[in-house]
Amino acid sequence: LLGQDSKGNQDHEDISIGTPYGLHHKGSREKLTNTKLYFDMVRVLLDLGYRVYLTDIFKVWVCNPEKRYAGSNLPKEDKTSFLEILEREIAAVNPVKVITWGNASWHAIRNTNISPTLSFPHPSGAANGAWKKLLGQSPTNENKLRYFKKGVQQSLM
């Protein structure tokens, strides 16, 4: 699964190491509305017999300290470097399938050697407009999960 994770909820400049979408944290998997949905989507793949590798297109969150939760546009050379790292990462993992979450991840890899098998809107609430258009109904987490499961089952099986 390839996405663009948002910044962690941190008020310091130290580097934090963790997993994409905070899935290493039990509360993120079981209680937090958005990240619970992410793990429910991961579970769909696990239940189908796949092992799942999650990663981000960019390996760090870059922002203006005055606007911590608004990402800064990376210079082209930095984006290129991150995408070269991502290509090597994906080659090393050698996945059977690549699923993108969100336009940012799909657009980032379209000119690389990484070929997505499936593309979905990002599971977050920020992508609800895309989900509503795709679903033709309210983008509840249950509806997103149902659509994801159906799409995965039809495309990967």
Protein backbone atom coordinates (compact mmCIF):
# COMPACT_ATOMS: atom_id res chain seq x y z
CA LEU A 1 0.00 0.00 0.00
CA LEU A 2 1.45 3.28 -1.09
CA GLY A 3 0.12 6.56 0.24
CA GLN A 4 1.12 9.92 1.58
CA ASP A 5 0.90 9.94 5.34
CA SER A 6 0.13 13.17 7.08
CA LYS A 7 2.26 14.76 9.75
CA GLY A 8 2.15 13.20 13.16
CA ASN A 9 0.56 15.20 15.95
CA GLN A 10 3.81 16.45 17.43
CA ASP A 11 4.90 19.79 18.86
CA HIS A 12 8.65 19.37 18.60
CA GLU A 13 11.33 19.36 15.95
CA ASP A 14 12.77 15.96 16.80
CA ILE A 15 12.56 13.15 14.30
CA SER A 16 10.09 10.44 15.22
CA ILE A 17 10.28 6.95 13.84
CA GLY A 18 7.07 5.03 13.38
CA THR A 19 4.93 3.22 10.90
CA PRO A 20 2.80 4.79 8.18
CA TYR A 21 -0.55 5.86 9.56
CA GLY A 22 0.58 5.08 13.11
CA LEU A 23 -0.46 1.47 12.72
CA HIS A 24 2.18 0.36 15.21
CA HIS A 25 -0.01 2.00 17.87
CA LYS A 26 -2.90 -0.15 19.13
CA GLY A 27 -5.10 2.91 19.72
CA SER A 28 -4.61 3.97 16.09
CA ARG A 29 -5.68 0.54 14.89
CA GLU A 30 -8.67 0.14 17.19
CA LYS A 31 -10.01 3.53 18.30
CA LEU A 32 -9.07 6.49 16.10
CA THR A 33 -11.70 6.84 13.38
CA ASN A 34 -9.47 7.39 10.33
CA THR A 35 -6.59 5.13 11.23
CA LYS A 36 -8.98 2.36 12.27
CA LEU A 37 -10.32 2.49 8.71
CA TYR A 38 -6.78 2.21 7.34
CA PHE A 39 -6.17 -0.92 9.40
CA ASP A 40 -9.57 -2.34 8.41
CA MET A 41 -8.46 -1.94 4.78
CA VAL A 42 -5.16 -3.63 5.56
CA ARG A 43 -7.11 -6.45 7.22
CA VAL A 44 -9.07 -6.97 3.96
CA LEU A 45 -5.77 -7.76 2.24
CA LEU A 46 -4.55 -9.94 5.10
CA ASP A 47 -7.82 -11.90 5.08
CA LEU A 48 -7.30 -12.54 1.34
CA GLY A 49 -3.93 -14.10 2.12
CA TYR A 50 -1.68 -11.19 1.19
CA ARG A 51 1.15 -9.90 3.32
CA VAL A 52 1.00 -6.12 3.45
CA TYR A 53 3.78 -3.57 3.22
CA LEU A 54 2.84 0.05 3.87
CA THR A 55 5.01 2.94 2.77
CA ASP A 56 4.86 6.62 1.95
CA ILE A 57 5.88 8.39 -1.22
CA PHE A 58 7.93 10.85 0.83
CA LYS A 59 9.83 9.69 3.88
CA VAL A 60 9.60 12.88 5.92
CA TRP A 61 6.99 15.52 6.61
CA VAL A 62 8.22 18.95 5.58
CA CYS A 63 6.41 22.02 6.81
CA ASN A 64 6.78 25.65 7.75
CA PRO A 65 7.12 25.77 11.57
CA GLU A 66 4.58 28.60 11.59
CA LYS A 67 2.00 26.33 9.88
CA ARG A 68 2.89 22.90 11.23
CA TYR A 69 -0.04 21.00 9.75
CA ALA A 70 0.21 22.44 6.24
CA GLY A 71 2.78 20.60 4.16
CA SER A 72 5.37 22.54 2.20
CA ASN A 73 5.92 21.85 -1.45
CA LEU A 74 9.25 20.08 -1.74
CA PRO A 75 11.81 21.33 -4.26
CA LYS A 76 11.93 19.19 -7.40
CA GLU A 77 15.37 17.74 -6.56
CA ASP A 78 14.08 16.56 -3.16
CA LYS A 79 11.00 14.97 -4.72
CA THR A 80 13.23 13.25 -7.26
CA SER A 81 15.50 11.93 -4.50
CA PHE A 82 12.56 10.59 -2.48
CA LEU A 83 11.07 8.91 -5.54
CA GLU A 84 14.42 7.27 -6.35
CA ILE A 85 14.50 5.93 -2.78
CA LEU A 86 10.91 4.73 -3.17
CA GLU A 87 11.72 2.92 -6.43
CA ARG A 88 14.60 1.08 -4.74
CA GLU A 89 12.40 0.31 -1.73
CA ILE A 90 9.61 -1.15 -3.90
CA ALA A 91 12.15 -3.15 -5.94
CA ALA A 92 13.63 -4.58 -2.73
CA VAL A 93 10.20 -5.58 -1.39
CA ASN A 94 9.19 -6.91 -4.82
CA PRO A 95 5.44 -6.76 -4.18
CA VAL A 96 2.93 -8.87 -6.05
CA LYS A 97 0.59 -5.87 -6.27
CA VAL A 98 0.83 -2.12 -5.62
CA ILE A 99 -2.21 -0.27 -4.35
CA THR A 100 -2.13 3.51 -4.14
CA TRP A 101 -4.12 5.51 -1.63
CA GLY A 102 -4.80 9.01 -2.91
CA ASN A 103 -3.95 11.21 -5.85
CA ALA A 104 -0.62 12.29 -4.35
CA SER A 105 0.77 8.76 -4.39
CA TRP A 106 -0.71 7.86 -7.78
CA HIS A 107 0.58 11.05 -9.43
CA ALA A 108 3.99 10.75 -7.75
CA ILE A 109 4.71 7.33 -9.26
CA ARG A 110 3.17 7.72 -12.70
CA ASN A 111 6.58 8.53 -14.24
CA THR A 112 8.55 5.91 -12.29
CA ASN A 113 9.13 2.20 -12.70
CA ILE A 114 6.41 1.51 -10.12
CA SER A 115 3.15 0.34 -11.66
CA PRO A 116 0.04 0.50 -9.50
CA THR A 117 -2.32 -2.44 -9.71
CA LEU A 118 -5.18 -0.54 -8.09
CA SER A 119 -5.75 3.07 -7.11
CA PHE A 120 -8.20 4.31 -4.50
CA PRO A 121 -8.86 7.71 -3.00
CA HIS A 122 -6.99 8.26 0.24
CA PRO A 123 -9.01 6.72 3.10
CA SER A 124 -8.86 9.95 5.11
CA GLY A 125 -11.73 12.37 5.53
CA ALA A 126 -9.77 14.89 3.44
CA ALA A 127 -10.60 12.78 0.36
CA ASN A 128 -14.33 12.50 1.07
CA GLY A 129 -15.20 14.45 -2.09
CA ALA A 130 -13.43 11.86 -4.24
CA TRP A 131 -15.04 9.03 -2.30
CA LYS A 132 -18.53 10.54 -2.63
CA LYS A 133 -18.10 10.88 -6.39
CA LEU A 134 -16.81 7.30 -6.64
CA LEU A 135 -19.39 5.76 -4.31
CA GLY A 136 -22.38 7.78 -5.43
CA GLN A 137 -23.40 7.93 -1.78
CA SER A 138 -22.23 9.16 1.60
CA PRO A 139 -18.51 8.46 2.12
CA THR A 140 -18.87 6.79 5.51
CA ASN A 141 -16.05 4.55 6.65
CA GLU A 142 -18.34 1.55 6.21
CA ASN A 143 -19.08 2.52 2.59
CA LYS A 144 -15.39 3.17 1.85
CA LEU A 145 -14.42 -0.19 3.34
CA ARG A 146 -17.14 -2.04 1.40
CA TYR A 147 -16.00 -0.42 -1.87
CA PHE A 148 -12.33 -1.14 -1.14
CA LYS A 149 -13.06 -4.78 -0.34
CA LYS A 150 -15.16 -5.26 -3.48
CA GLY A 151 -12.53 -3.56 -5.66
CA VAL A 152 -9.71 -5.61 -4.20
CA GLN A 153 -11.61 -8.87 -4.51
CA GLN A 154 -12.54 -8.19 -8.14
CA SER A 155 -9.10 -6.99 -9.21
CA LEU A 156 -6.67 -9.10 -7.26
CA MET A 157 -8.37 -12.47 -7.16
